[in-house]
Amino acid sequence: SSTLTSREGTNHWRTGDMEARGNVVVIRNRDGATLRTEVMDYSQMRNEVSSDRDFTFDEPGRNMKGKGFTSDPEFKRITSKSVTGTGGQFILPSQ
């Protein structure tokens, strides 16, 4: 569902885990959403991607930057520290 490029990487064939290093770019195929960081890990057992480095994530209508993240592989639910960004709109109920 995404295409990952990096300068180098390691695939642990016994566990299915992977580490990408150096100019990591992940592009989600369905809408072109793009994540950029320097190091990213994938855990097959937990089915999650993560990094402890700075990252940027841009998708239609939303962008964010932060220090480290953990997410599902499709970037539907991203958890991060020190995150900033823009996106969408909030509609509050009328009183």
Protein backbone atom coordinates (compact mmCIF):
# COMPACT_ATOMS: atom_id res chain seq x y z
CA SER A 1 0.00 0.00 0.00
CA SER A 2 3.10 2.27 0.16
CA THR A 3 6.46 2.64 -1.53
CA LEU A 4 9.55 3.13 0.66
CA THR A 5 12.93 4.40 -0.50
CA SER A 6 16.06 4.93 1.60
CA ARG A 7 19.84 4.94 1.23
CA GLU A 8 20.17 1.60 3.01
CA GLY A 9 18.15 -0.89 4.98
CA THR A 10 18.08 -4.19 6.80
CA ASN A 11 15.44 -6.90 6.45
CA HIS A 12 15.34 -9.46 9.26
CA TRP A 13 13.95 -12.45 7.38
CA ARG A 14 13.29 -14.56 10.49
CA THR A 15 11.06 -11.97 12.19
CA GLY A 16 9.86 -10.00 9.16
CA ASP A 17 11.12 -6.78 10.77
CA MET A 18 12.80 -4.08 8.72
CA GLU A 19 14.90 -0.98 9.30
CA ALA A 20 15.39 1.77 6.71
CA ARG A 21 18.17 4.34 7.14
CA GLY A 22 19.18 7.54 5.37
CA ASN A 23 16.75 9.86 3.63
CA VAL A 24 13.73 7.60 4.25
CA VAL A 25 10.71 8.52 2.12
CA VAL A 26 7.43 6.60 2.26
CA ILE A 27 4.73 7.43 -0.31
CA ARG A 28 1.23 6.03 0.24
CA ASN A 29 0.03 4.72 -3.13
CA ARG A 30 -3.66 5.61 -2.83
CA ASP A 31 -3.27 9.37 -2.31
CA GLY A 32 0.41 10.31 -2.46
CA ALA A 33 0.70 11.06 1.28
CA THR A 34 4.41 11.33 2.07
CA LEU A 35 6.40 10.64 5.24
CA ARG A 36 10.06 11.72 5.50
CA THR A 37 12.56 10.83 8.23
CA GLU A 38 16.14 9.60 8.62
CA VAL A 39 15.43 6.21 10.25
CA MET A 40 12.29 4.08 10.32
CA ASP A 41 11.61 0.65 11.78
CA TYR A 42 8.84 -1.82 10.92
CA SER A 43 7.75 -4.50 13.40
CA GLN A 44 5.78 -7.29 11.77
CA MET A 45 4.71 -8.75 15.13
CA ARG A 46 3.24 -5.40 16.29
CA ASN A 47 2.27 -4.38 12.72
CA GLU A 48 3.62 -0.87 13.27
CA VAL A 49 6.20 1.55 11.94
CA SER A 50 8.18 3.88 14.18
CA SER A 51 11.09 6.28 14.42
CA ASP A 52 12.81 8.21 17.19
CA ARG A 53 13.99 10.89 14.73
CA ASP A 54 12.38 14.08 13.42
CA PHE A 55 9.77 13.47 10.73
CA THR A 56 7.37 15.26 8.41
CA PHE A 57 4.10 13.81 7.14
CA ASP A 58 2.09 15.44 4.37
CA GLU A 59 -1.23 14.22 3.01
CA PRO A 60 -4.08 15.99 1.24
CA GLY A 61 -5.52 18.51 3.72
CA ARG A 62 -3.08 17.78 6.57
CA ASN A 63 0.60 18.10 7.41
CA MET A 64 2.56 17.51 10.58
CA LYS A 65 6.08 17.56 11.95
CA GLY A 66 7.33 15.95 15.11
CA LYS A 67 10.06 14.26 17.09
CA GLY A 68 9.62 10.51 16.75
CA PHE A 69 6.40 8.64 15.95
CA THR A 70 4.62 5.31 16.10
CA SER A 71 1.93 4.42 13.55
CA ASP A 72 0.06 1.68 11.77
CA PRO A 73 1.62 0.94 8.35
CA GLU A 74 -1.07 2.97 6.52
CA PHE A 75 -0.52 6.07 8.70
CA LYS A 76 -4.16 6.23 9.79
CA ARG A 77 -3.23 6.62 13.47
CA ILE A 78 0.03 8.44 14.23
CA THR A 79 1.29 9.02 17.78
CA SER A 80 4.11 11.54 18.24
CA LYS A 81 5.81 13.86 20.70
CA SER A 82 6.22 17.60 20.15
CA VAL A 83 4.01 17.55 17.07
CA THR A 84 3.05 20.66 15.08
CA GLY A 85 1.05 21.00 11.91
CA THR A 86 -2.14 21.97 10.17
CA GLY A 87 -5.12 20.12 8.85
CA GLY A 88 -8.82 19.88 8.48
CA GLN A 89 -11.22 21.93 10.47
CA PHE A 90 -12.99 21.62 13.78
CA ILE A 91 -16.74 22.06 13.93
CA LEU A 92 -17.96 22.68 17.46
CA PRO A 93 -21.57 22.02 18.42
CA SER A 94 -23.70 25.11 18.90
CA GLN A 95 -24.88 25.83 22.43
